[in-house]
Every structure is written in structure tokens, then in C-alpha cells.
Amino acid sequence: MQVNTAKKTRIRQENLSIILGKAEQIFAEFGFKGATMQAIADAADLPKANLHYYFPTKLALYRQVIERIFTIWLEAADSFDTSATPQEALTRYIRKKMEISRAHPYGSKVWANEVIQGAPIIQDYLQTTLNEWTDTRIAVINRWIEQGLIDPIDPRHLLYMIWATTQHYADFSHQIATLNDNRPLDDAQWQRATRNVTDVILKGIGA
């Protein structure tokens, strides 16, 4: 019985991972309105009925895609709480955000498209979860300023700059590839980009 339960759990997790991955791609390409559950089921190579078993509505699936990318971003920000210095915290945070942009470009594009449209589906999420998280990060940055560890800058604009810069590599990946001789950035180029972004931001705040 335990073996069967473990197998079912594994299959469920595998199916969820496939569904969310394909849903990210479909929502990124067509938006919430243009995407269909049938298209997502086809991309995931699952019967539509199976897709509805996991997500009864397109809205439920869409919100799960949004929550997944945001949760990944939240985990990247753990460095604010676990690092001893702003240099260490921001270096780790920027590196993680760059890695996420490379590994989850579609999730970032879904988020960007939603916000550009005025967040019609996730406005409540922005006003609660995102707002609360941002306030906690602002408190940490203000503490660094009070301790004289960084220049007296507006914490919100520092966060906006990090988000805009790191997520640019996901949201505008086609443009970046076009300007890179029509090739995606390779490992060495990603590492160089990460170092450059980190250096510019840290120097800009006097860290």
C-alpha cells in the first residue's frame, strides 16, 4: 500500500511539473485570454480531462503559474535574511535572480505580461503578498543605510532596479539573442552578465 501511495505521489508531482511548465509557455505566448486548456493539455501530452483533474479552471492554473514563479523569487531573496553584509546579500540575490531568468523565462514573461495589462487577475496578490514581502526587504535595506553600510538611497528604487535588470534577461531574451549574433547567451556570457550587473548595482549604492 505504501509503495502504491508513493508511486501515485511521484506521478502526481511529475504531472504537475509538466503541466506548470507547459502552461508557463502557453500563457507567455498567448496571455491569459488567448490561452486555452486544450492547448495546455496538448502541450503537456495529457487528455484535457486529466488537466482538469489537477486544475478545474484556467484561472486556477494561471494563478498557480504566477504563484510558482513568485515563490521561486521569494526563495532567491532569502539572502537578505541569511547574509552578514549587504554586499553578500545583494550579490547572492542578483545571482539567483539571473539564474531564475535563465531557467524560468516563461514564468517571468507571464508575470510581466500580467502586470503590463494592469494585473487584472492577480491584483489582489500584488496588494497582499508582494506588498508585504517588499516591506520586509525595505526594512532590511533601511537598516543597512542606518548602519552606514550603503548610501542613503530609496530602497524601493533599488529593488525596482534589480528586478528590472535581472528580469530583462528573461522578458527580452529574444532581443538579447538577436544582439548576440542570433544565439542565446552561453554559460560564460551569463556569468559575465551576472558579474557586470552585480558590480554596477553595488558600486551605485556605495557597497
N, C-alpha and C. Protein backbone atom coordinates (compact mmCIF):
# COMPACT_ATOMS: atom_id res chain seq x y z
N MET A 1 0.83 -1.21 0.00
CA MET A 1 0.00 0.00 0.00
C MET A 1 0.87 1.25 0.00
N GLN A 2 1.93 1.24 0.83
CA GLN A 2 2.81 2.40 0.89
C GLN A 2 3.53 2.61 -0.43
N VAL A 3 3.88 1.50 -1.11
CA VAL A 3 4.57 1.60 -2.40
C VAL A 3 3.65 2.25 -3.41
N ASN A 4 2.39 1.82 -3.45
CA ASN A 4 1.42 2.38 -4.38
C ASN A 4 1.18 3.87 -4.10
N THR A 5 1.09 4.21 -2.82
CA THR A 5 0.88 5.61 -2.45
C THR A 5 2.06 6.47 -2.88
N ALA A 6 3.27 5.96 -2.66
CA ALA A 6 4.47 6.69 -3.04
C ALA A 6 4.53 6.86 -4.55
N LYS A 7 4.14 5.82 -5.27
CA LYS A 7 4.16 5.88 -6.74
C LYS A 7 3.15 6.91 -7.24
N LYS A 8 1.96 6.91 -6.64
CA LYS A 8 0.92 7.86 -7.04
C LYS A 8 1.38 9.30 -6.77
N THR A 9 2.02 9.47 -5.62
CA THR A 9 2.51 10.80 -5.27
C THR A 9 3.57 11.26 -6.27
N ARG A 10 4.46 10.35 -6.63
CA ARG A 10 5.51 10.69 -7.60
C ARG A 10 4.91 11.04 -8.95
N ILE A 11 3.94 10.25 -9.40
CA ILE A 11 3.31 10.51 -10.69
C ILE A 11 2.58 11.85 -10.66
N ARG A 12 1.92 12.13 -9.55
CA ARG A 12 1.20 13.40 -9.42
C ARG A 12 2.17 14.58 -9.51
N GLN A 13 3.29 14.48 -8.81
CA GLN A 13 4.27 15.56 -8.83
C GLN A 13 4.87 15.73 -10.22
N GLU A 14 5.14 14.63 -10.90
CA GLU A 14 5.68 14.70 -12.25
C GLU A 14 4.68 15.36 -13.20
N ASN A 15 3.42 14.97 -13.09
CA ASN A 15 2.38 15.57 -13.95
C ASN A 15 2.22 17.05 -13.67
N LEU A 16 2.23 17.43 -12.40
CA LEU A 16 2.10 18.84 -12.05
C LEU A 16 3.26 19.66 -12.61
N SER A 17 4.46 19.10 -12.52
CA SER A 17 5.63 19.80 -13.03
C SER A 17 5.53 20.00 -14.54
N ILE A 18 5.09 18.96 -15.25
CA ILE A 18 4.93 19.06 -16.70
C ILE A 18 3.85 20.07 -17.05
N ILE A 19 2.72 19.99 -16.37
CA ILE A 19 1.60 20.90 -16.65
C ILE A 19 2.00 22.34 -16.42
N LEU A 20 2.64 22.62 -15.29
CA LEU A 20 3.01 24.00 -14.98
C LEU A 20 4.06 24.53 -15.96
N GLY A 21 4.98 23.67 -16.35
CA GLY A 21 6.00 24.08 -17.31
C GLY A 21 5.39 24.43 -18.66
N LYS A 22 4.50 23.59 -19.14
CA LYS A 22 3.85 23.85 -20.43
C LYS A 22 2.88 25.02 -20.33
N ALA A 23 2.21 25.14 -19.21
CA ALA A 23 1.27 26.25 -19.02
C ALA A 23 2.02 27.58 -19.04
N GLU A 24 3.20 27.62 -18.43
CA GLU A 24 4.02 28.84 -18.48
C GLU A 24 4.27 29.26 -19.93
N GLN A 25 4.62 28.29 -20.76
CA GLN A 25 4.93 28.59 -22.17
C GLN A 25 3.70 29.11 -22.91
N ILE A 26 2.56 28.44 -22.71
CA ILE A 26 1.34 28.82 -23.41
C ILE A 26 0.85 30.19 -22.94
N PHE A 27 0.84 30.40 -21.64
CA PHE A 27 0.40 31.70 -21.11
C PHE A 27 1.36 32.82 -21.54
N ALA A 28 2.66 32.52 -21.60
CA ALA A 28 3.64 33.52 -22.02
C ALA A 28 3.42 33.92 -23.47
N GLU A 29 3.04 32.96 -24.29
CA GLU A 29 2.87 33.23 -25.71
C GLU A 29 1.52 33.87 -26.04
N PHE A 30 0.47 33.40 -25.38
CA PHE A 30 -0.88 33.83 -25.76
C PHE A 30 -1.59 34.69 -24.72
N GLY A 31 -1.01 34.81 -23.52
CA GLY A 31 -1.69 35.55 -22.47
C GLY A 31 -2.82 34.73 -21.87
N PHE A 32 -3.43 35.27 -20.80
CA PHE A 32 -4.49 34.52 -20.14
C PHE A 32 -5.70 34.32 -21.05
N LYS A 33 -6.11 35.37 -21.74
CA LYS A 33 -7.29 35.28 -22.58
C LYS A 33 -7.07 34.37 -23.78
N GLY A 34 -5.91 34.45 -24.38
CA GLY A 34 -5.66 33.68 -25.60
C GLY A 34 -5.34 32.22 -25.36
N ALA A 35 -4.85 31.90 -24.18
CA ALA A 35 -4.50 30.51 -23.88
C ALA A 35 -5.76 29.69 -23.64
N THR A 36 -5.71 28.41 -23.98
CA THR A 36 -6.83 27.51 -23.73
C THR A 36 -6.34 26.29 -22.96
N MET A 37 -7.24 25.69 -22.23
CA MET A 37 -6.90 24.47 -21.50
C MET A 37 -6.57 23.35 -22.48
N GLN A 38 -7.21 23.34 -23.63
CA GLN A 38 -6.93 22.31 -24.62
C GLN A 38 -5.49 22.44 -25.14
N ALA A 39 -5.07 23.68 -25.40
CA ALA A 39 -3.71 23.89 -25.89
C ALA A 39 -2.68 23.46 -24.83
N ILE A 40 -2.98 23.75 -23.57
CA ILE A 40 -2.06 23.37 -22.50
C ILE A 40 -2.04 21.85 -22.34
N ALA A 41 -3.19 21.22 -22.42
CA ALA A 41 -3.26 19.76 -22.34
C ALA A 41 -2.48 19.12 -23.48
N ASP A 42 -2.64 19.65 -24.68
CA ASP A 42 -1.91 19.12 -25.84
C ASP A 42 -0.41 19.26 -25.66
N ALA A 43 0.02 20.44 -25.17
CA ALA A 43 1.44 20.68 -24.96
C ALA A 43 2.02 19.75 -23.90
N ALA A 44 1.20 19.44 -22.89
CA ALA A 44 1.63 18.55 -21.81
C ALA A 44 1.45 17.09 -22.16
N ASP A 45 0.87 16.82 -23.35
CA ASP A 45 0.61 15.46 -23.81
C ASP A 45 -0.28 14.70 -22.82
N LEU A 46 -1.32 15.40 -22.36
CA LEU A 46 -2.28 14.82 -21.43
C LEU A 46 -3.69 15.02 -21.97
N PRO A 47 -4.61 14.10 -21.67
CA PRO A 47 -6.01 14.35 -22.02
C PRO A 47 -6.51 15.58 -21.27
N LYS A 48 -7.39 16.32 -21.88
CA LYS A 48 -7.91 17.54 -21.25
C LYS A 48 -8.57 17.20 -19.92
N ALA A 49 -9.22 16.05 -19.84
CA ALA A 49 -9.87 15.65 -18.59
C ALA A 49 -8.86 15.50 -17.46
N ASN A 50 -7.67 15.00 -17.79
CA ASN A 50 -6.62 14.86 -16.78
C ASN A 50 -6.15 16.23 -16.30
N LEU A 51 -6.06 17.17 -17.23
CA LEU A 51 -5.65 18.52 -16.85
C LEU A 51 -6.66 19.12 -15.89
N HIS A 52 -7.94 18.93 -16.17
CA HIS A 52 -8.99 19.47 -15.30
C HIS A 52 -9.02 18.75 -13.94
N TYR A 53 -8.49 17.56 -13.88
CA TYR A 53 -8.40 16.84 -12.61
C TYR A 53 -7.47 17.61 -11.66
N TYR A 54 -6.37 18.12 -12.21
CA TYR A 54 -5.41 18.87 -11.40
C TYR A 54 -5.83 20.33 -11.22
N PHE A 55 -6.37 20.91 -12.28
CA PHE A 55 -6.77 22.31 -12.24
C PHE A 55 -8.16 22.44 -12.87
N PRO A 56 -9.19 22.60 -12.07
CA PRO A 56 -10.56 22.61 -12.59
C PRO A 56 -10.85 23.77 -13.54
N THR A 57 -10.09 24.88 -13.41
CA THR A 57 -10.34 26.04 -14.27
C THR A 57 -9.02 26.61 -14.78
N LYS A 58 -9.10 27.34 -15.86
CA LYS A 58 -7.91 28.02 -16.41
C LYS A 58 -7.39 29.04 -15.41
N LEU A 59 -8.30 29.71 -14.71
CA LEU A 59 -7.89 30.70 -13.72
C LEU A 59 -7.06 30.07 -12.62
N ALA A 60 -7.47 28.90 -12.15
CA ALA A 60 -6.74 28.22 -11.08
C ALA A 60 -5.33 27.86 -11.55
N LEU A 61 -5.23 27.40 -12.78
CA LEU A 61 -3.92 27.05 -13.33
C LEU A 61 -3.05 28.29 -13.51
N TYR A 62 -3.64 29.34 -14.01
CA TYR A 62 -2.90 30.59 -14.24
C TYR A 62 -2.34 31.14 -12.93
N ARG A 63 -3.17 31.15 -11.90
CA ARG A 63 -2.72 31.67 -10.61
C ARG A 63 -1.61 30.79 -10.03
N GLN A 64 -1.68 29.49 -10.29
CA GLN A 64 -0.62 28.61 -9.80
C GLN A 64 0.70 28.88 -10.51
N VAL A 65 0.62 29.19 -11.81
CA VAL A 65 1.83 29.55 -12.56
C VAL A 65 2.43 30.83 -11.97
N ILE A 66 1.58 31.81 -11.71
CA ILE A 66 2.04 33.07 -11.12
C ILE A 66 2.67 32.84 -9.74
N GLU A 67 2.00 32.05 -8.93
CA GLU A 67 2.49 31.80 -7.58
C GLU A 67 3.80 31.03 -7.60
N ARG A 68 3.96 30.14 -8.59
CA ARG A 68 5.19 29.36 -8.65
C ARG A 68 6.40 30.26 -8.93
N ILE A 69 6.29 31.14 -9.92
CA ILE A 69 7.44 31.99 -10.22
C ILE A 69 7.70 32.95 -9.08
N PHE A 70 6.64 33.44 -8.42
CA PHE A 70 6.85 34.35 -7.31
C PHE A 70 7.49 33.63 -6.13
N THR A 71 7.11 32.40 -5.88
CA THR A 71 7.71 31.62 -4.80
C THR A 71 9.19 31.41 -5.06
N ILE A 72 9.55 31.14 -6.30
CA ILE A 72 10.96 30.98 -6.68
C ILE A 72 11.72 32.27 -6.41
N TRP A 73 11.09 33.41 -6.76
CA TRP A 73 11.73 34.70 -6.49
C TRP A 73 11.88 34.93 -4.99
N LEU A 74 10.88 34.54 -4.20
CA LEU A 74 10.96 34.72 -2.75
C LEU A 74 12.12 33.94 -2.17
N GLU A 75 12.29 32.71 -2.64
CA GLU A 75 13.38 31.87 -2.13
C GLU A 75 14.73 32.49 -2.47
N ALA A 76 14.81 33.15 -3.62
CA ALA A 76 16.06 33.81 -4.00
C ALA A 76 16.41 34.94 -3.04
N ALA A 77 15.38 35.54 -2.45
CA ALA A 77 15.59 36.69 -1.56
C ALA A 77 15.93 36.29 -0.13
N ASP A 78 16.07 35.00 0.13
CA ASP A 78 16.44 34.56 1.48
C ASP A 78 17.78 35.16 1.91
N SER A 79 18.60 35.53 0.92
CA SER A 79 19.92 36.08 1.23
C SER A 79 19.82 37.35 2.06
N PHE A 80 18.70 38.07 1.96
CA PHE A 80 18.53 39.29 2.75
C PHE A 80 18.55 38.96 4.24
N ASP A 81 18.10 37.77 4.59
CA ASP A 81 18.00 37.39 6.00
C ASP A 81 19.18 36.56 6.48
N THR A 82 19.88 35.91 5.54
CA THR A 82 20.92 34.96 5.95
C THR A 82 22.33 35.46 5.69
N SER A 83 22.48 36.61 5.04
CA SER A 83 23.81 37.13 4.72
C SER A 83 24.24 38.18 5.75
N ALA A 84 25.55 38.23 5.99
CA ALA A 84 26.06 39.11 7.03
C ALA A 84 26.19 40.55 6.56
N THR A 85 26.40 40.76 5.28
CA THR A 85 26.64 42.10 4.76
C THR A 85 25.74 42.37 3.56
N PRO A 86 25.50 43.64 3.23
CA PRO A 86 24.71 43.94 2.02
C PRO A 86 25.41 43.47 0.76
N GLN A 87 26.75 43.52 0.73
CA GLN A 87 27.46 43.04 -0.45
C GLN A 87 27.16 41.56 -0.69
N GLU A 88 27.24 40.77 0.37
CA GLU A 88 26.98 39.34 0.24
C GLU A 88 25.51 39.09 -0.11
N ALA A 89 24.61 39.78 0.57
CA ALA A 89 23.18 39.58 0.35
C ALA A 89 22.78 39.92 -1.08
N LEU A 90 23.21 41.08 -1.54
CA LEU A 90 22.80 41.52 -2.88
C LEU A 90 23.50 40.73 -3.98
N THR A 91 24.74 40.33 -3.73
CA THR A 91 25.45 39.50 -4.72
C THR A 91 24.72 38.18 -4.90
N ARG A 92 24.34 37.56 -3.80
CA ARG A 92 23.62 36.29 -3.88
C ARG A 92 22.24 36.47 -4.50
N TYR A 93 21.58 37.56 -4.12
CA TYR A 93 20.23 37.81 -4.64
C TYR A 93 20.26 38.04 -6.15
N ILE A 94 21.17 38.87 -6.60
CA ILE A 94 21.26 39.15 -8.03
C ILE A 94 21.64 37.90 -8.80
N ARG A 95 22.58 37.13 -8.28
CA ARG A 95 22.99 35.89 -8.95
C ARG A 95 21.79 34.94 -9.09
N LYS A 96 21.04 34.79 -8.00
CA LYS A 96 19.87 33.91 -8.04
C LYS A 96 18.83 34.42 -9.03
N LYS A 97 18.59 35.72 -9.04
CA LYS A 97 17.60 36.28 -9.96
C LYS A 97 18.03 36.10 -11.41
N MET A 98 19.30 36.20 -11.68
CA MET A 98 19.81 35.97 -13.04
C MET A 98 19.65 34.49 -13.41
N GLU A 99 19.93 33.61 -12.47
CA GLU A 99 19.76 32.17 -12.73
C GLU A 99 18.30 31.83 -13.01
N ILE A 100 17.39 32.47 -12.27
CA ILE A 100 15.97 32.22 -12.47
C ILE A 100 15.52 32.72 -13.83
N SER A 101 16.04 33.86 -14.25
CA SER A 101 15.68 34.38 -15.57
C SER A 101 16.11 33.44 -16.67
N ARG A 102 17.20 32.75 -16.44
CA ARG A 102 17.67 31.78 -17.44
C ARG A 102 16.87 30.48 -17.38
N ALA A 103 16.54 30.03 -16.18
CA ALA A 103 15.87 28.74 -16.02
C ALA A 103 14.36 28.84 -16.19
N HIS A 104 13.76 30.01 -15.90
CA HIS A 104 12.30 30.15 -15.95
C HIS A 104 11.88 31.40 -16.74
N PRO A 105 12.33 31.50 -17.98
CA PRO A 105 11.99 32.71 -18.75
C PRO A 105 10.51 32.87 -19.01
N TYR A 106 9.80 31.76 -19.20
CA TYR A 106 8.37 31.85 -19.50
C TYR A 106 7.58 32.33 -18.29
N GLY A 107 7.95 31.86 -17.10
CA GLY A 107 7.26 32.31 -15.90
C GLY A 107 7.41 33.80 -15.70
N SER A 108 8.62 34.31 -15.95
CA SER A 108 8.86 35.74 -15.83
C SER A 108 8.04 36.52 -16.85
N LYS A 109 7.92 35.99 -18.05
CA LYS A 109 7.15 36.67 -19.10
C LYS A 109 5.66 36.69 -18.76
N VAL A 110 5.17 35.61 -18.18
CA VAL A 110 3.76 35.58 -17.77
C VAL A 110 3.50 36.67 -16.74
N TRP A 111 4.39 36.78 -15.76
CA TRP A 111 4.26 37.82 -14.72
C TRP A 111 4.30 39.20 -15.36
N ALA A 112 5.27 39.43 -16.24
CA ALA A 112 5.42 40.74 -16.87
C ALA A 112 4.19 41.10 -17.69
N ASN A 113 3.70 40.16 -18.48
CA ASN A 113 2.52 40.41 -19.32
C ASN A 113 1.30 40.75 -18.47
N GLU A 114 1.15 40.04 -17.36
CA GLU A 114 0.02 40.27 -16.47
C GLU A 114 0.08 41.68 -15.88
N VAL A 115 1.24 42.08 -15.40
CA VAL A 115 1.38 43.39 -14.78
C VAL A 115 1.22 44.50 -15.82
N ILE A 116 1.75 44.30 -17.02
CA ILE A 116 1.61 45.30 -18.09
C ILE A 116 0.13 45.55 -18.40
N GLN A 117 -0.68 44.50 -18.28
CA GLN A 117 -2.11 44.62 -18.55
C GLN A 117 -2.88 45.23 -17.38
N GLY A 118 -2.17 45.60 -16.32
CA GLY A 118 -2.84 46.18 -15.16
C GLY A 118 -3.19 45.15 -14.11
N ALA A 119 -2.59 43.95 -14.22
CA ALA A 119 -2.81 42.86 -13.25
C ALA A 119 -4.28 42.55 -13.02
N PRO A 120 -5.07 42.32 -14.08
CA PRO A 120 -6.50 42.06 -13.89
C PRO A 120 -6.80 40.78 -13.11
N ILE A 121 -5.88 39.82 -13.15
CA ILE A 121 -6.11 38.55 -12.48
C ILE A 121 -5.47 38.49 -11.11
N ILE A 122 -4.31 39.12 -10.95
CA ILE A 122 -3.54 38.95 -9.71
C ILE A 122 -3.37 40.24 -8.91
N GLN A 123 -4.23 41.23 -9.13
CA GLN A 123 -4.09 42.48 -8.39
C GLN A 123 -4.14 42.25 -6.88
N ASP A 124 -5.00 41.33 -6.44
CA ASP A 124 -5.08 41.02 -5.02
C ASP A 124 -3.76 40.45 -4.51
N TYR A 125 -3.10 39.70 -5.36
CA TYR A 125 -1.80 39.11 -5.00
C TYR A 125 -0.75 40.20 -4.83
N LEU A 126 -0.77 41.18 -5.73
CA LEU A 126 0.19 42.28 -5.64
C LEU A 126 -0.04 43.10 -4.38
N GLN A 127 -1.30 43.32 -4.04
CA GLN A 127 -1.63 44.18 -2.90
C GLN A 127 -1.39 43.50 -1.56
N THR A 128 -1.29 42.20 -1.56
CA THR A 128 -1.08 41.49 -0.29
C THR A 128 0.31 40.87 -0.24
N THR A 129 0.50 39.76 -0.92
CA THR A 129 1.75 39.00 -0.82
C THR A 129 2.95 39.81 -1.26
N LEU A 130 2.88 40.42 -2.45
CA LEU A 130 4.03 41.19 -2.94
C LEU A 130 4.29 42.41 -2.07
N ASN A 131 3.24 43.09 -1.68
CA ASN A 131 3.39 44.30 -0.87
C ASN A 131 4.03 43.98 0.48
N GLU A 132 3.56 42.91 1.10
CA GLU A 132 4.09 42.52 2.41
C GLU A 132 5.55 42.11 2.30
N TRP A 133 5.89 41.34 1.25
CA TRP A 133 7.27 40.92 1.06
C TRP A 133 8.17 42.12 0.81
N THR A 134 7.72 43.05 -0.01
CA THR A 134 8.52 44.23 -0.33
C THR A 134 8.80 45.05 0.93
N ASP A 135 7.82 45.19 1.80
CA ASP A 135 8.01 45.94 3.04
C ASP A 135 9.10 45.32 3.91
N THR A 136 9.16 43.98 3.95
CA THR A 136 10.20 43.33 4.77
C THR A 136 11.58 43.58 4.19
N ARG A 137 11.70 43.59 2.85
CA ARG A 137 13.01 43.84 2.22
C ARG A 137 13.42 45.30 2.42
N ILE A 138 12.45 46.20 2.36
CA ILE A 138 12.73 47.62 2.58
C ILE A 138 13.28 47.83 3.99
N ALA A 139 12.74 47.12 4.96
CA ALA A 139 13.21 47.24 6.34
C ALA A 139 14.67 46.83 6.45
N VAL A 140 15.05 45.78 5.75
CA VAL A 140 16.44 45.33 5.78
C VAL A 140 17.35 46.36 5.14
N ILE A 141 16.96 46.87 3.98
CA ILE A 141 17.78 47.87 3.28
C ILE A 141 17.91 49.14 4.12
N ASN A 142 16.83 49.56 4.75
CA ASN A 142 16.90 50.75 5.62
C ASN A 142 17.86 50.53 6.79
N ARG A 143 17.90 49.32 7.28
CA ARG A 143 18.84 49.01 8.37
C ARG A 143 20.28 49.14 7.89
N TRP A 144 20.54 48.68 6.68
CA TRP A 144 21.89 48.83 6.12
C TRP A 144 22.26 50.31 6.01
N ILE A 145 21.29 51.12 5.59
CA ILE A 145 21.54 52.56 5.44
C ILE A 145 21.83 53.19 6.80
N GLU A 146 21.04 52.84 7.81
CA GLU A 146 21.22 53.38 9.16
C GLU A 146 22.59 52.99 9.73
N GLN A 147 23.08 51.82 9.36
CA GLN A 147 24.37 51.34 9.84
C GLN A 147 25.54 51.89 9.02
N GLY A 148 25.21 52.66 7.98
CA GLY A 148 26.25 53.25 7.15
C GLY A 148 26.92 52.26 6.20
N LEU A 149 26.25 51.16 5.93
CA LEU A 149 26.83 50.12 5.08
C LEU A 149 26.62 50.39 3.60
N ILE A 150 25.60 51.16 3.26
CA ILE A 150 25.35 51.57 1.88
C ILE A 150 24.91 53.03 1.88
N ASP A 151 24.91 53.65 0.71
CA ASP A 151 24.50 55.05 0.61
C ASP A 151 23.01 55.19 0.92
N PRO A 152 22.58 56.39 1.35
CA PRO A 152 21.16 56.62 1.64
C PRO A 152 20.33 56.73 0.36
N ILE A 153 19.88 55.59 -0.12
CA ILE A 153 19.08 55.55 -1.33
C ILE A 153 17.66 55.10 -0.97
N ASP A 154 16.72 55.28 -1.90
CA ASP A 154 15.36 54.82 -1.69
C ASP A 154 15.32 53.31 -1.92
N PRO A 155 15.01 52.52 -0.90
CA PRO A 155 15.03 51.06 -1.04
C PRO A 155 14.15 50.54 -2.17
N ARG A 156 13.00 51.19 -2.37
CA ARG A 156 12.10 50.70 -3.43
C ARG A 156 12.77 50.78 -4.80
N HIS A 157 13.48 51.88 -5.04
CA HIS A 157 14.10 52.03 -6.35
C HIS A 157 15.27 51.06 -6.53
N LEU A 158 15.92 50.71 -5.45
CA LEU A 158 16.96 49.68 -5.54
C LEU A 158 16.34 48.35 -5.95
N LEU A 159 15.23 47.98 -5.30
CA LEU A 159 14.55 46.74 -5.65
C LEU A 159 14.04 46.77 -7.09
N TYR A 160 13.43 47.90 -7.48
CA TYR A 160 12.92 48.01 -8.85
C TYR A 160 14.04 47.83 -9.86
N MET A 161 15.21 48.40 -9.55
CA MET A 161 16.34 48.31 -10.47
C MET A 161 16.82 46.87 -10.61
N ILE A 162 16.90 46.17 -9.49
CA ILE A 162 17.34 44.77 -9.53
C ILE A 162 16.34 43.93 -10.31
N TRP A 163 15.05 44.12 -10.02
CA TRP A 163 14.03 43.35 -10.73
C TRP A 163 14.07 43.63 -12.23
N ALA A 164 14.10 44.91 -12.58
CA ALA A 164 14.06 45.28 -13.99
C ALA A 164 15.26 44.74 -14.74
N THR A 165 16.43 44.84 -14.13
CA THR A 165 17.65 44.42 -14.82
C THR A 165 17.73 42.91 -14.96
N THR A 166 17.51 42.19 -13.87
CA THR A 166 17.65 40.73 -13.94
C THR A 166 16.54 40.10 -14.79
N GLN A 167 15.32 40.59 -14.66
CA GLN A 167 14.21 40.01 -15.41
C GLN A 167 14.23 40.40 -16.88
N HIS A 168 15.00 41.44 -17.22
CA HIS A 168 15.18 41.81 -18.62
C HIS A 168 15.74 40.64 -19.41
N TYR A 169 16.62 39.86 -18.78
CA TYR A 169 17.26 38.75 -19.48
C TYR A 169 16.29 37.61 -19.77
N ALA A 170 15.14 37.60 -19.09
CA ALA A 170 14.08 36.64 -19.40
C ALA A 170 13.05 37.26 -20.34
N ASP A 171 12.56 38.42 -19.97
CA ASP A 171 11.45 39.04 -20.71
C ASP A 171 11.85 39.47 -22.12
N PHE A 172 13.12 39.82 -22.30
CA PHE A 172 13.60 40.27 -23.60
C PHE A 172 14.69 39.34 -24.13
N SER A 173 14.53 38.05 -23.85
CA SER A 173 15.54 37.08 -24.26
C SER A 173 15.73 37.04 -25.78
N HIS A 174 14.65 37.24 -26.53
CA HIS A 174 14.78 37.24 -27.98
C HIS A 174 15.63 38.41 -28.46
N GLN A 175 15.42 39.56 -27.86
CA GLN A 175 16.21 40.73 -28.24
C GLN A 175 17.68 40.52 -27.90
N ILE A 176 17.93 39.96 -26.72
CA ILE A 176 19.31 39.71 -26.31
C ILE A 176 19.98 38.71 -27.24
N ALA A 177 19.26 37.66 -27.62
CA ALA A 177 19.81 36.67 -28.55
C ALA A 177 20.08 37.30 -29.91
N THR A 178 19.17 38.14 -30.37
CA THR A 178 19.35 38.81 -31.66
C THR A 178 20.63 39.64 -31.67
N LEU A 179 20.87 40.36 -30.58
CA LEU A 179 22.07 41.20 -30.47
C LEU A 179 23.32 40.40 -30.15
N ASN A 180 23.15 39.10 -29.97
CA ASN A 180 24.28 38.20 -29.69
C ASN A 180 24.48 37.25 -30.87
N ASP A 181 24.41 37.82 -32.07
CA ASP A 181 24.57 37.02 -33.30
C ASP A 181 23.53 35.92 -33.39
N ASN A 182 22.32 36.24 -32.95
CA ASN A 182 21.19 35.31 -33.02
C ASN A 182 21.44 34.01 -32.25
N ARG A 183 22.15 34.15 -31.13
CA ARG A 183 22.39 32.99 -30.27
C ARG A 183 22.08 33.35 -28.83
N PRO A 184 21.45 32.44 -28.08
CA PRO A 184 21.26 32.69 -26.65
C PRO A 184 22.62 32.83 -25.96
N LEU A 185 22.66 33.54 -24.86
CA LEU A 185 23.90 33.67 -24.11
C LEU A 185 24.38 32.30 -23.65
N ASP A 186 25.67 32.03 -23.80
CA ASP A 186 26.21 30.77 -23.30
C ASP A 186 26.59 30.92 -21.83
N ASP A 187 27.13 29.88 -21.24
CA ASP A 187 27.43 29.89 -19.80
C ASP A 187 28.38 31.03 -19.43
N ALA A 188 29.44 31.19 -20.22
CA ALA A 188 30.42 32.24 -19.91
C ALA A 188 29.80 33.63 -20.02
N GLN A 189 28.94 33.82 -20.99
CA GLN A 189 28.30 35.13 -21.16
C GLN A 189 27.32 35.41 -20.03
N TRP A 190 26.62 34.38 -19.55
CA TRP A 190 25.72 34.57 -18.42
C TRP A 190 26.51 34.95 -17.17
N GLN A 191 27.62 34.28 -16.96
CA GLN A 191 28.44 34.60 -15.79
C GLN A 191 28.98 36.02 -15.86
N ARG A 192 29.40 36.43 -17.05
CA ARG A 192 29.91 37.79 -17.22
C ARG A 192 28.80 38.82 -17.02
N ALA A 193 27.63 38.53 -17.55
CA ALA A 193 26.50 39.44 -17.37
C ALA A 193 26.15 39.58 -15.90
N THR A 194 26.14 38.46 -15.19
CA THR A 194 25.82 38.48 -13.76
C THR A 194 26.83 39.32 -12.98
N ARG A 195 28.11 39.14 -13.30
CA ARG A 195 29.15 39.93 -12.62
C ARG A 195 28.98 41.42 -12.92
N ASN A 196 28.71 41.74 -14.17
CA ASN A 196 28.57 43.15 -14.54
C ASN A 196 27.38 43.81 -13.86
N VAL A 197 26.25 43.12 -13.87
CA VAL A 197 25.05 43.66 -13.22
C VAL A 197 25.32 43.86 -11.73
N THR A 198 25.93 42.87 -11.11
CA THR A 198 26.23 42.96 -9.68
C THR A 198 27.17 44.11 -9.37
N ASP A 199 28.23 44.24 -10.14
CA ASP A 199 29.21 45.30 -9.91
C ASP A 199 28.58 46.69 -10.04
N VAL A 200 27.79 46.88 -11.09
CA VAL A 200 27.18 48.19 -11.33
C VAL A 200 26.25 48.57 -10.18
N ILE A 201 25.44 47.62 -9.73
CA ILE A 201 24.48 47.92 -8.67
C ILE A 201 25.18 48.17 -7.34
N LEU A 202 26.15 47.32 -7.00
CA LEU A 202 26.86 47.50 -5.73
C LEU A 202 27.64 48.82 -5.71
N LYS A 203 28.29 49.16 -6.81
CA LYS A 203 29.02 50.42 -6.86
C LYS A 203 28.06 51.60 -6.80
N GLY A 204 26.90 51.44 -7.40
CA GLY A 204 25.93 52.51 -7.42
C GLY A 204 25.37 52.87 -6.05
N ILE A 205 25.38 51.92 -5.13
CA ILE A 205 24.86 52.19 -3.78
C ILE A 205 25.98 52.33 -2.76
N GLY A 206 27.21 52.36 -3.26
CA GLY A 206 28.34 52.57 -2.35
C GLY A 206 28.65 51.39 -1.48
N ALA A 207 28.31 50.19 -1.95
CA ALA A 207 28.61 48.99 -1.16
C ALA A 207 30.04 48.54 -1.44
